[in-house]
Amino acid sequence: MRHEYCVYILACSDGAYYTGITNDMERRLEEHSEGSVRECFTYSRRPVLLKYVERFNDVEAAIRREKQLKGWSRAKKEALMQNDPDRLRALSGSYAATNSK
């Protein structure tokens, strides 16, 4: 049986972004929207809007991507959500230039 895993970014009502992973995007979005998990970051930041989804067949690849995106700056996440590869490259390059030894 083949599974699909989704890494996603939500825009919250307070302007924050939430990055998560799930094996059922529709169910998870409903949980975020309804606030069914009080401990969740998005509970007090509803309504939420799904801004970005990447799909994976390999759970390990999905987990790596989620961790990567969680480490990104707000600007990089916005470039990704806006499908702006030039801006994303520029932001990645500026990070590499300022953090090299």
PDB file of N, CA and C in Angstrom:
ATOM      1  N   MET A   1       0.847  -1.190   0.000  1.00  0.00           N
ATOM      2  CA  MET A   1       0.000   0.000   0.000  1.00  0.00           C
ATOM      3  C   MET A   1       0.887   1.246   0.000  1.00  0.00           C
ATOM      4  N   ARG A   2       0.598   2.163  -0.872  1.00  0.00           N
ATOM      5  CA  ARG A   2       1.388   3.382  -1.021  1.00  0.00           C
ATOM      6  C   ARG A   2       0.790   4.507  -0.169  1.00  0.00           C
ATOM      7  N   HIS A   3       1.658   5.167   0.584  1.00  0.00           N
ATOM      8  CA  HIS A   3       1.209   6.274   1.430  1.00  0.00           C
ATOM      9  C   HIS A   3       1.688   7.593   0.849  1.00  0.00           C
ATOM     10  N   GLU A   4       0.943   8.638   1.159  1.00  0.00           N
ATOM     11  CA  GLU A   4       1.352   9.980   0.759  1.00  0.00           C
ATOM     12  C   GLU A   4       1.465  10.832   2.017  1.00  0.00           C
ATOM     13  N   TYR A   5       2.527  11.606   2.074  1.00  0.00           N
ATOM     14  CA  TYR A   5       2.774  12.492   3.208  1.00  0.00           C
ATOM     15  C   TYR A   5       2.861  13.911   2.685  1.00  0.00           C
ATOM     16  N   CYS A   6       2.268  14.828   3.408  1.00  0.00           N
ATOM     17  CA  CYS A   6       2.242  16.225   2.983  1.00  0.00           C
ATOM     18  C   CYS A   6       2.966  17.090   4.001  1.00  0.00           C
ATOM     19  N   VAL A   7       3.820  17.947   3.498  1.00  0.00           N
ATOM     20  CA  VAL A   7       4.427  19.009   4.294  1.00  0.00           C
ATOM     21  C   VAL A   7       3.709  20.278   3.862  1.00  0.00           C
ATOM     22  N   TYR A   8       3.247  21.057   4.824  1.00  0.00           N
ATOM     23  CA  TYR A   8       2.391  22.190   4.485  1.00  0.00           C
ATOM     24  C   TYR A   8       2.736  23.420   5.314  1.00  0.00           C
ATOM     25  N   ILE A   9       2.320  24.562   4.784  1.00  0.00           N
ATOM     26  CA  ILE A   9       2.467  25.830   5.501  1.00  0.00           C
ATOM     27  C   ILE A   9       1.095  26.483   5.567  1.00  0.00           C
ATOM     28  N   LEU A  10       0.707  26.887   6.769  1.00  0.00           N
ATOM     29  CA  LEU A  10      -0.537  27.619   6.987  1.00  0.00           C
ATOM     30  C   LEU A  10      -0.217  29.065   7.337  1.00  0.00           C
ATOM     31  N   ALA A  11      -1.045  29.974   6.869  1.00  0.00           N
ATOM     32  CA  ALA A  11      -0.993  31.362   7.317  1.00  0.00           C
ATOM     33  C   ALA A  11      -2.035  31.502   8.425  1.00  0.00           C
ATOM     34  N   CYS A  12      -1.617  32.017   9.561  1.00  0.00           N
ATOM     35  CA  CYS A  12      -2.509  32.181  10.711  1.00  0.00           C
ATOM     36  C   CYS A  12      -3.075  33.600  10.745  1.00  0.00           C
ATOM     37  N   SER A  13      -4.148  33.769  11.488  1.00  0.00           N
ATOM     38  CA  SER A  13      -4.832  35.062  11.545  1.00  0.00           C
ATOM     39  C   SER A  13      -3.964  36.168  12.136  1.00  0.00           C
ATOM     40  N   ASP A  14      -2.964  35.811  12.945  1.00  0.00           N
ATOM     41  CA  ASP A  14      -2.085  36.823  13.542  1.00  0.00           C
ATOM     42  C   ASP A  14      -0.857  37.109  12.681  1.00  0.00           C
ATOM     43  N   GLY A  15      -0.809  36.525  11.477  1.00  0.00           N
ATOM     44  CA  GLY A  15       0.306  36.763  10.571  1.00  0.00           C
ATOM     45  C   GLY A  15       1.420  35.729  10.668  1.00  0.00           C
ATOM     46  N   ALA A  16       1.340  34.843  11.648  1.00  0.00           N
ATOM     47  CA  ALA A  16       2.356  33.795  11.799  1.00  0.00           C
ATOM     48  C   ALA A  16       2.164  32.722  10.733  1.00  0.00           C
ATOM     49  N   TYR A  17       3.239  31.983  10.481  1.00  0.00           N
ATOM     50  CA  TYR A  17       3.174  30.814   9.604  1.00  0.00           C
ATOM     51  C   TYR A  17       3.383  29.570  10.449  1.00  0.00           C
ATOM     52  N   TYR A  18       2.637  28.532  10.123  1.00  0.00           N
ATOM     53  CA  TYR A  18       2.778  27.242  10.789  1.00  0.00           C
ATOM     54  C   TYR A  18       3.176  26.216   9.743  1.00  0.00           C
ATOM     55  N   THR A  19       4.238  25.473  10.000  1.00  0.00           N
ATOM     56  CA  THR A  19       4.700  24.416   9.104  1.00  0.00           C
ATOM     57  C   THR A  19       4.460  23.079   9.779  1.00  0.00           C
ATOM     58  N   GLY A  20       3.849  22.150   9.048  1.00  0.00           N
ATOM     59  CA  GLY A  20       3.549  20.846   9.623  1.00  0.00           C
ATOM     60  C   GLY A  20       3.655  19.728   8.607  1.00  0.00           C
ATOM     61  N   ILE A  21       3.389  18.525   9.080  1.00  0.00           N
ATOM     62  CA  ILE A  21       3.427  17.322   8.250  1.00  0.00           C
ATOM     63  C   ILE A  21       2.215  16.466   8.601  1.00  0.00           C
ATOM     64  N   THR A  22       1.667  15.777   7.612  1.00  0.00           N
ATOM     65  CA  THR A  22       0.512  14.913   7.839  1.00  0.00           C
ATOM     66  C   THR A  22       0.441  13.837   6.768  1.00  0.00           C
ATOM     67  N   ASN A  23      -0.307  12.793   7.062  1.00  0.00           N
ATOM     68  CA  ASN A  23      -0.580  11.780   6.048  1.00  0.00           C
ATOM     69  C   ASN A  23      -2.013  11.900   5.531  1.00  0.00           C
ATOM     70  N   ASP A  24      -2.725  12.945   5.963  1.00  0.00           N
ATOM     71  CA  ASP A  24      -4.097  13.192   5.504  1.00  0.00           C
ATOM     72  C   ASP A  24      -4.336  14.705   5.540  1.00  0.00           C
ATOM     73  N   MET A  25      -4.053  15.368   4.435  1.00  0.00           N
ATOM     74  CA  MET A  25      -4.110  16.832   4.392  1.00  0.00           C
ATOM     75  C   MET A  25      -5.503  17.367   4.689  1.00  0.00           C
ATOM     76  N   GLU A  26      -6.514  16.752   4.114  1.00  0.00           N
ATOM     77  CA  GLU A  26      -7.886  17.233   4.323  1.00  0.00           C
ATOM     78  C   GLU A  26      -8.279  17.165   5.799  1.00  0.00           C
ATOM     79  N   ARG A  27      -8.008  16.032   6.436  1.00  0.00           N
ATOM     80  CA  ARG A  27      -8.332  15.871   7.855  1.00  0.00           C
ATOM     81  C   ARG A  27      -7.553  16.867   8.715  1.00  0.00           C
ATOM     82  N   ARG A  28      -6.255  17.007   8.430  1.00  0.00           N
ATOM     83  CA  ARG A  28      -5.414  17.880   9.258  1.00  0.00           C
ATOM     84  C   ARG A  28      -5.825  19.336   9.120  1.00  0.00           C
ATOM     85  N   LEU A  29      -6.164  19.758   7.915  1.00  0.00           N
ATOM     86  CA  LEU A  29      -6.614  21.132   7.719  1.00  0.00           C
ATOM     87  C   LEU A  29      -7.919  21.376   8.477  1.00  0.00           C
ATOM     88  N   GLU A  30      -8.795  20.391   8.460  1.00  0.00           N
ATOM     89  CA  GLU A  30     -10.046  20.499   9.214  1.00  0.00           C
ATOM     90  C   GLU A  30      -9.760  20.613  10.712  1.00  0.00           C
ATOM     91  N   GLU A  31      -8.810  19.823  11.217  1.00  0.00           N
ATOM     92  CA  GLU A  31      -8.446  19.902  12.638  1.00  0.00           C
ATOM     93  C   GLU A  31      -7.913  21.285  12.990  1.00  0.00           C
ATOM     94  N   HIS A  32      -7.056  21.829  12.143  1.00  0.00           N
ATOM     95  CA  HIS A  32      -6.543  23.184  12.388  1.00  0.00           C
ATOM     96  C   HIS A  32      -7.685  24.197  12.357  1.00  0.00           C
ATOM     97  N   SER A  33      -8.547  24.091  11.366  1.00  0.00           N
ATOM     98  CA  SER A  33      -9.625  25.068  11.182  1.00  0.00           C
ATOM     99  C   SER A  33     -10.644  25.025  12.310  1.00  0.00           C
ATOM    100  N   GLU A  34     -10.960  23.822  12.781  1.00  0.00           N
ATOM    101  CA  GLU A  34     -11.955  23.674  13.843  1.00  0.00           C
ATOM    102  C   GLU A  34     -11.371  23.872  15.232  1.00  0.00           C
ATOM    103  N   GLY A  35     -10.062  23.825  15.347  1.00  0.00           N
ATOM    104  CA  GLY A  35      -9.430  23.966  16.658  1.00  0.00           C
ATOM    105  C   GLY A  35      -9.647  22.754  17.534  1.00  0.00           C
ATOM    106  N   SER A  36      -9.630  21.579  16.940  1.00  0.00           N
ATOM    107  CA  SER A  36      -9.915  20.357  17.697  1.00  0.00           C
ATOM    108  C   SER A  36      -8.766  19.935  18.615  1.00  0.00           C
ATOM    109  N   VAL A  37      -7.578  20.521  18.434  1.00  0.00           N
ATOM    110  CA  VAL A  37      -6.437  20.209  19.307  1.00  0.00           C
ATOM    111  C   VAL A  37      -6.024  21.503  20.012  1.00  0.00           C
ATOM    112  N   ARG A  38      -6.450  21.655  21.252  1.00  0.00           N
ATOM    113  CA  ARG A  38      -6.223  22.902  21.994  1.00  0.00           C
ATOM    114  C   ARG A  38      -4.748  23.243  22.164  1.00  0.00           C
ATOM    115  N   GLU A  39      -3.892  22.230  22.213  1.00  0.00           N
ATOM    116  CA  GLU A  39      -2.461  22.453  22.437  1.00  0.00           C
ATOM    117  C   GLU A  39      -1.732  22.877  21.169  1.00  0.00           C
ATOM    118  N   CYS A  40      -2.399  22.812  20.048  1.00  0.00           N
ATOM    119  CA  CYS A  40      -1.759  23.128  18.768  1.00  0.00           C
ATOM    120  C   CYS A  40      -1.463  24.629  18.657  1.00  0.00           C
ATOM    121  N   PHE A  41      -0.340  24.950  18.038  1.00  0.00           N
ATOM    122  CA  PHE A  41       0.087  26.332  17.811  1.00  0.00           C
ATOM    123  C   PHE A  41      -1.015  27.163  17.162  1.00  0.00           C
ATOM    124  N   THR A  42      -1.778  26.558  16.265  1.00  0.00           N
ATOM    125  CA  THR A  42      -2.783  27.308  15.500  1.00  0.00           C
ATOM    126  C   THR A  42      -4.097  27.507  16.245  1.00  0.00           C
ATOM    127  N   TYR A  43      -4.275  26.852  17.386  1.00  0.00           N
ATOM    128  CA  TYR A  43      -5.566  26.896  18.077  1.00  0.00           C
ATOM    129  C   TYR A  43      -6.058  28.325  18.309  1.00  0.00           C
ATOM    130  N   SER A  44      -5.211  29.173  18.849  1.00  0.00           N
ATOM    131  CA  SER A  44      -5.616  30.552  19.150  1.00  0.00           C
ATOM    132  C   SER A  44      -5.300  31.508  18.002  1.00  0.00           C
ATOM    133  N   ARG A  45      -4.903  30.960  16.863  1.00  0.00           N
ATOM    134  CA  ARG A  45      -4.524  31.790  15.713  1.00  0.00           C
ATOM    135  C   ARG A  45      -5.438  31.543  14.515  1.00  0.00           C
ATOM    136  N   ARG A  46      -6.628  31.050  14.775  1.00  0.00           N
ATOM    137  CA  ARG A  46      -7.585  30.785  13.705  1.00  0.00           C
ATOM    138  C   ARG A  46      -8.291  32.078  13.323  1.00  0.00           C
ATOM    139  N   PRO A  47      -8.770  32.177  12.102  1.00  0.00           N
ATOM    140  CA  PRO A  47      -8.750  31.147  11.062  1.00  0.00           C
ATOM    141  C   PRO A  47      -7.369  31.004  10.430  1.00  0.00           C
ATOM    142  N   VAL A  48      -7.152  29.841   9.827  1.00  0.00           N
ATOM    143  CA  VAL A  48      -5.902  29.560   9.124  1.00  0.00           C
ATOM    144  C   VAL A  48      -6.207  29.364   7.645  1.00  0.00           C
ATOM    145  N   LEU A  49      -5.184  29.609   6.840  1.00  0.00           N
ATOM    146  CA  LEU A  49      -5.330  29.467   5.391  1.00  0.00           C
ATOM    147  C   LEU A  49      -4.172  28.628   4.874  1.00  0.00           C
ATOM    148  N   LEU A  50      -4.484  27.575   4.148  1.00  0.00           N
ATOM    149  CA  LEU A  50      -3.448  26.725   3.564  1.00  0.00           C
ATOM    150  C   LEU A  50      -2.770  27.490   2.439  1.00  0.00           C
ATOM    151  N   LYS A  51      -1.452  27.683   2.578  1.00  0.00           N
ATOM    152  CA  LYS A  51      -0.703  28.474   1.597  1.00  0.00           C
ATOM    153  C   LYS A  51       0.218  27.638   0.721  1.00  0.00           C
ATOM    154  N   TYR A  52       0.622  26.446   1.200  1.00  0.00           N
ATOM    155  CA  TYR A  52       1.618  25.669   0.462  1.00  0.00           C
ATOM    156  C   TYR A  52       1.544  24.209   0.876  1.00  0.00           C
ATOM    157  N   VAL A  53       1.683  23.312  -0.102  1.00  0.00           N
ATOM    158  CA  VAL A  53       1.720  21.868   0.164  1.00  0.00           C
ATOM    159  C   VAL A  53       2.758  21.220  -0.740  1.00  0.00           C
ATOM    160  N   GLU A  54       3.556  20.341  -0.167  1.00  0.00           N
ATOM    161  CA  GLU A  54       4.465  19.469  -0.930  1.00  0.00           C
ATOM    162  C   GLU A  54       4.106  18.043  -0.566  1.00  0.00           C
ATOM    163  N   ARG A  55       4.033  17.179  -1.565  1.00  0.00           N
ATOM    164  CA  ARG A  55       3.652  15.784  -1.338  1.00  0.00           C
ATOM    165  C   ARG A  55       4.858  14.859  -1.505  1.00  0.00           C
ATOM    166  N   PHE A  56       4.925  13.846  -0.641  1.00  0.00           N
ATOM    167  CA  PHE A  56       6.026  12.888  -0.630  1.00  0.00           C
ATOM    168  C   PHE A  56       5.475  11.474  -0.510  1.00  0.00           C
ATOM    169  N   ASN A  57       6.172  10.526  -1.107  1.00  0.00           N
ATOM    170  CA  ASN A  57       5.853   9.111  -0.920  1.00  0.00           C
ATOM    171  C   ASN A  57       6.671   8.515   0.217  1.00  0.00           C
ATOM    172  N   ASP A  58       7.769   9.150   0.554  1.00  0.00           N
ATOM    173  CA  ASP A  58       8.689   8.667   1.579  1.00  0.00           C
ATOM    174  C   ASP A  58       8.562   9.529   2.833  1.00  0.00           C
ATOM    175  N   VAL A  59       8.174   8.924   3.941  1.00  0.00           N
ATOM    176  CA  VAL A  59       7.963   9.675   5.176  1.00  0.00           C
ATOM    177  C   VAL A  59       9.252  10.327   5.666  1.00  0.00           C
ATOM    178  N   GLU A  60      10.390   9.662   5.497  1.00  0.00           N
ATOM    179  CA  GLU A  60      11.659  10.241   5.948  1.00  0.00           C
ATOM    180  C   GLU A  60      11.991  11.511   5.165  1.00  0.00           C
ATOM    181  N   ALA A  61      11.727  11.497   3.866  1.00  0.00           N
ATOM    182  CA  ALA A  61      11.956  12.689   3.038  1.00  0.00           C
ATOM    183  C   ALA A  61      11.031  13.818   3.477  1.00  0.00           C
ATOM    184  N   ALA A  62       9.795  13.477   3.805  1.00  0.00           N
ATOM    185  CA  ALA A  62       8.836  14.488   4.260  1.00  0.00           C
ATOM    186  C   ALA A  62       9.281  15.096   5.587  1.00  0.00           C
ATOM    187  N   ILE A  63       9.754  14.273   6.492  1.00  0.00           N
ATOM    188  CA  ILE A  63      10.224  14.766   7.791  1.00  0.00           C
ATOM    189  C   ILE A  63      11.430  15.683   7.612  1.00  0.00           C
ATOM    190  N   ARG A  64      12.358  15.282   6.751  1.00  0.00           N
ATOM    191  CA  ARG A  64      13.534  16.137   6.489  1.00  0.00           C
ATOM    192  C   ARG A  64      13.106  17.492   5.931  1.00  0.00           C
ATOM    193  N   ARG A  65      12.150  17.476   5.005  1.00  0.00           N
ATOM    194  CA  ARG A  65      11.691  18.727   4.390  1.00  0.00           C
ATOM    195  C   ARG A  65      10.986  19.607   5.419  1.00  0.00           C
ATOM    196  N   GLU A  66      10.155  19.011   6.262  1.00  0.00           N
ATOM    197  CA  GLU A  66       9.477  19.794   7.297  1.00  0.00           C
ATOM    198  C   GLU A  66      10.503  20.475   8.199  1.00  0.00           C
ATOM    199  N   LYS A  67      11.515  19.736   8.621  1.00  0.00           N
ATOM    200  CA  LYS A  67      12.556  20.314   9.482  1.00  0.00           C
ATOM    201  C   LYS A  67      13.295  21.431   8.756  1.00  0.00           C
ATOM    202  N   GLN A  68      13.570  21.219   7.472  1.00  0.00           N
ATOM    203  CA  GLN A  68      14.253  22.246   6.691  1.00  0.00           C
ATOM    204  C   GLN A  68      13.415  23.523   6.650  1.00  0.00           C
ATOM    205  N   LEU A  69      12.133  23.389   6.302  1.00  0.00           N
ATOM    206  CA  LEU A  69      11.270  24.570   6.186  1.00  0.00           C
ATOM    207  C   LEU A  69      11.095  25.273   7.527  1.00  0.00           C
ATOM    208  N   LYS A  70      11.023  24.521   8.604  1.00  0.00           N
ATOM    209  CA  LYS A  70      10.884  25.134   9.929  1.00  0.00           C
ATOM    210  C   LYS A  70      12.100  25.984  10.282  1.00  0.00           C
ATOM    211  N   GLY A  71      13.244  25.673   9.690  1.00  0.00           N
ATOM    212  CA  GLY A  71      14.451  26.452   9.936  1.00  0.00           C
ATOM    213  C   GLY A  71      14.601  27.661   9.030  1.00  0.00           C
ATOM    214  N   TRP A  72      13.721  27.793   8.061  1.00  0.00           N
ATOM    215  CA  TRP A  72      13.810  28.902   7.107  1.00  0.00           C
ATOM    216  C   TRP A  72      13.272  30.200   7.693  1.00  0.00           C
ATOM    217  N   SER A  73      13.759  31.294   7.157  1.00  0.00           N
ATOM    218  CA  SER A  73      13.255  32.617   7.535  1.00  0.00           C
ATOM    219  C   SER A  73      11.853  32.816   6.960  1.00  0.00           C
ATOM    220  N   ARG A  74      11.176  33.788   7.492  1.00  0.00           N
ATOM    221  CA  ARG A  74       9.852  34.151   6.975  1.00  0.00           C
ATOM    222  C   ARG A  74       9.942  34.516   5.495  1.00  0.00           C
ATOM    223  N   ALA A  75      10.967  35.271   5.126  1.00  0.00           N
ATOM    224  CA  ALA A  75      11.138  35.703   3.731  1.00  0.00           C
ATOM    225  C   ALA A  75      11.309  34.508   2.798  1.00  0.00           C
ATOM    226  N   LYS A  76      12.085  33.517   3.220  1.00  0.00           N
ATOM    227  CA  LYS A  76      12.273  32.329   2.380  1.00  0.00           C
ATOM    228  C   LYS A  76      10.969  31.554   2.235  1.00  0.00           C
ATOM    229  N   LYS A  77      10.216  31.422   3.321  1.00  0.00           N
ATOM    230  CA  LYS A  77       8.925  30.732   3.241  1.00  0.00           C
ATOM    231  C   LYS A  77       7.985  31.472   2.296  1.00  0.00           C
ATOM    232  N   GLU A  78       7.988  32.794   2.353  1.00  0.00           N
ATOM    233  CA  GLU A  78       7.121  33.574   1.468  1.00  0.00           C
ATOM    234  C   GLU A  78       7.535  33.409   0.011  1.00  0.00           C
ATOM    235  N   ALA A  79       8.827  33.379  -0.264  1.00  0.00           N
ATOM    236  CA  ALA A  79       9.300  33.162  -1.633  1.00  0.00           C
ATOM    237  C   ALA A  79       8.863  31.786  -2.129  1.00  0.00           C
ATOM    238  N   LEU A  80       8.931  30.788  -1.266  1.00  0.00           N
ATOM    239  CA  LEU A  80       8.489  29.442  -1.629  1.00  0.00           C
ATOM    240  C   LEU A  80       6.992  29.432  -1.919  1.00  0.00           C
ATOM    241  N   MET A  81       6.199  30.035  -1.038  1.00  0.00           N
ATOM    242  CA  MET A  81       4.742  30.058  -1.209  1.00  0.00           C
ATOM    243  C   MET A  81       4.330  30.829  -2.458  1.00  0.00           C
ATOM    244  N   GLN A  82       5.114  31.838  -2.825  1.00  0.00           N
ATOM    245  CA  GLN A  82       4.819  32.650  -4.010  1.00  0.00           C
ATOM    246  C   GLN A  82       5.439  32.064  -5.273  1.00  0.00           C
ATOM    247  N   ASN A  83       6.057  30.892  -5.129  1.00  0.00           N
ATOM    248  CA  ASN A  83       6.702  30.219  -6.262  1.00  0.00           C
ATOM    249  C   ASN A  83       7.666  31.159  -6.978  1.00  0.00           C
ATOM    250  N   ASP A  84       8.535  31.782  -6.183  1.00  0.00           N
ATOM    251  CA  ASP A  84       9.512  32.744  -6.699  1.00  0.00           C
ATOM    252  C   ASP A  84      10.925  32.174  -6.515  1.00  0.00           C
ATOM    253  N   PRO A  85      11.366  31.310  -7.455  1.00  0.00           N
ATOM    254  CA  PRO A  85      12.666  30.657  -7.290  1.00  0.00           C
ATOM    255  C   PRO A  85      13.844  31.626  -7.294  1.00  0.00           C
ATOM    256  N   ASP A  86      13.746  32.730  -8.032  1.00  0.00           N
ATOM    257  CA  ASP A  86      14.850  33.699  -8.055  1.00  0.00           C
ATOM    258  C   ASP A  86      15.041  34.332  -6.678  1.00  0.00           C
ATOM    259  N   ARG A  87      13.953  34.736  -6.071  1.00  0.00           N
ATOM    260  CA  ARG A  87      14.025  35.333  -4.726  1.00  0.00           C
ATOM    261  C   ARG A  87      14.504  34.300  -3.707  1.00  0.00           C
ATOM    262  N   LEU A  88      14.005  33.086  -3.844  1.00  0.00           N
ATOM    263  CA  LEU A  88      14.414  32.019  -2.937  1.00  0.00           C
ATOM    264  C   LEU A  88      15.915  31.765  -3.046  1.00  0.00           C
ATOM    265  N   ARG A  89      16.428  31.730  -4.267  1.00  0.00           N
ATOM    266  CA  ARG A  89      17.869  31.545  -4.490  1.00  0.00           C
ATOM    267  C   ARG A  89      18.666  32.706  -3.897  1.00  0.00           C
ATOM    268  N   ALA A  90      18.176  33.921  -4.118  1.00  0.00           N
ATOM    269  CA  ALA A  90      18.869  35.106  -3.593  1.00  0.00           C
ATOM    270  C   ALA A  90      18.908  35.075  -2.062  1.00  0.00           C
ATOM    271  N   LEU A  91      17.799  34.707  -1.456  1.00  0.00           N
ATOM    272  CA  LEU A  91      17.755  34.634   0.007  1.00  0.00           C
ATOM    273  C   LEU A  91      18.657  33.522   0.526  1.00  0.00           C
ATOM    274  N   SER A  92      18.714  32.422  -0.182  1.00  0.00           N
ATOM    275  CA  SER A  92      19.595  31.319   0.215  1.00  0.00           C
ATOM    276  C   SER A  92      21.050  31.723   0.050  1.00  0.00           C
ATOM    277  N   GLY A  93      21.349  32.436  -1.024  1.00  0.00           N
ATOM    278  CA  GLY A  93      22.712  32.898  -1.267  1.00  0.00           C
ATOM    279  C   GLY A  93      23.163  33.902  -0.239  1.00  0.00           C
ATOM    280  N   SER A  94      22.265  34.793   0.165  1.00  0.00           N
ATOM    281  CA  SER A  94      22.645  35.800   1.149  1.00  0.00           C
ATOM    282  C   SER A  94      22.915  35.147   2.494  1.00  0.00           C
ATOM    283  N   TYR A  95      22.194  34.083   2.804  1.00  0.00           N
ATOM    284  CA  TYR A  95      22.445  33.356   4.050  1.00  0.00           C
ATOM    285  C   TYR A  95      23.817  32.697   3.999  1.00  0.00           C
ATOM    286  N   ALA A  96      24.107  32.046   2.885  1.00  0.00           N
ATOM    287  CA  ALA A  96      25.395  31.358   2.748  1.00  0.00           C
ATOM    288  C   ALA A  96      26.550  32.355   2.825  1.00  0.00           C
ATOM    289  N   ALA A  97      26.373  33.518   2.219  1.00  0.00           N
ATOM    290  CA  ALA A  97      27.439  34.525   2.205  1.00  0.00           C
ATOM    291  C   ALA A  97      27.696  35.096   3.599  1.00  0.00           C
ATOM    292  N   THR A  98      26.650  35.281   4.381  1.00  0.00           N
ATOM    293  CA  THR A  98      26.819  35.889   5.703  1.00  0.00           C
ATOM    294  C   THR A  98      27.187  34.877   6.772  1.00  0.00           C
ATOM    295  N   ASN A  99      27.051  33.591   6.476  1.00  0.00           N
ATOM    296  CA  ASN A  99      27.344  32.576   7.483  1.00  0.00           C
ATOM    297  C   ASN A  99      28.523  31.685   7.115  1.00  0.00           C
ATOM    298  N   SER A 100      29.290  32.080   6.119  1.00  0.00           N
ATOM    299  CA  SER A 100      30.470  31.286   5.769  1.00  0.00           C
ATOM    300  C   SER A 100      31.659  31.759   6.595  1.00  0.00           C
ATOM    301  N   LYS A 101      32.621  30.877   6.757  1.00  0.00           N
ATOM    302  CA  LYS A 101      33.790  31.229   7.582  1.00  0.00           C
ATOM    303  C   LYS A 101      34.899  31.787   6.757  1.00  0.00           C
TER     304      LYS A 101
END
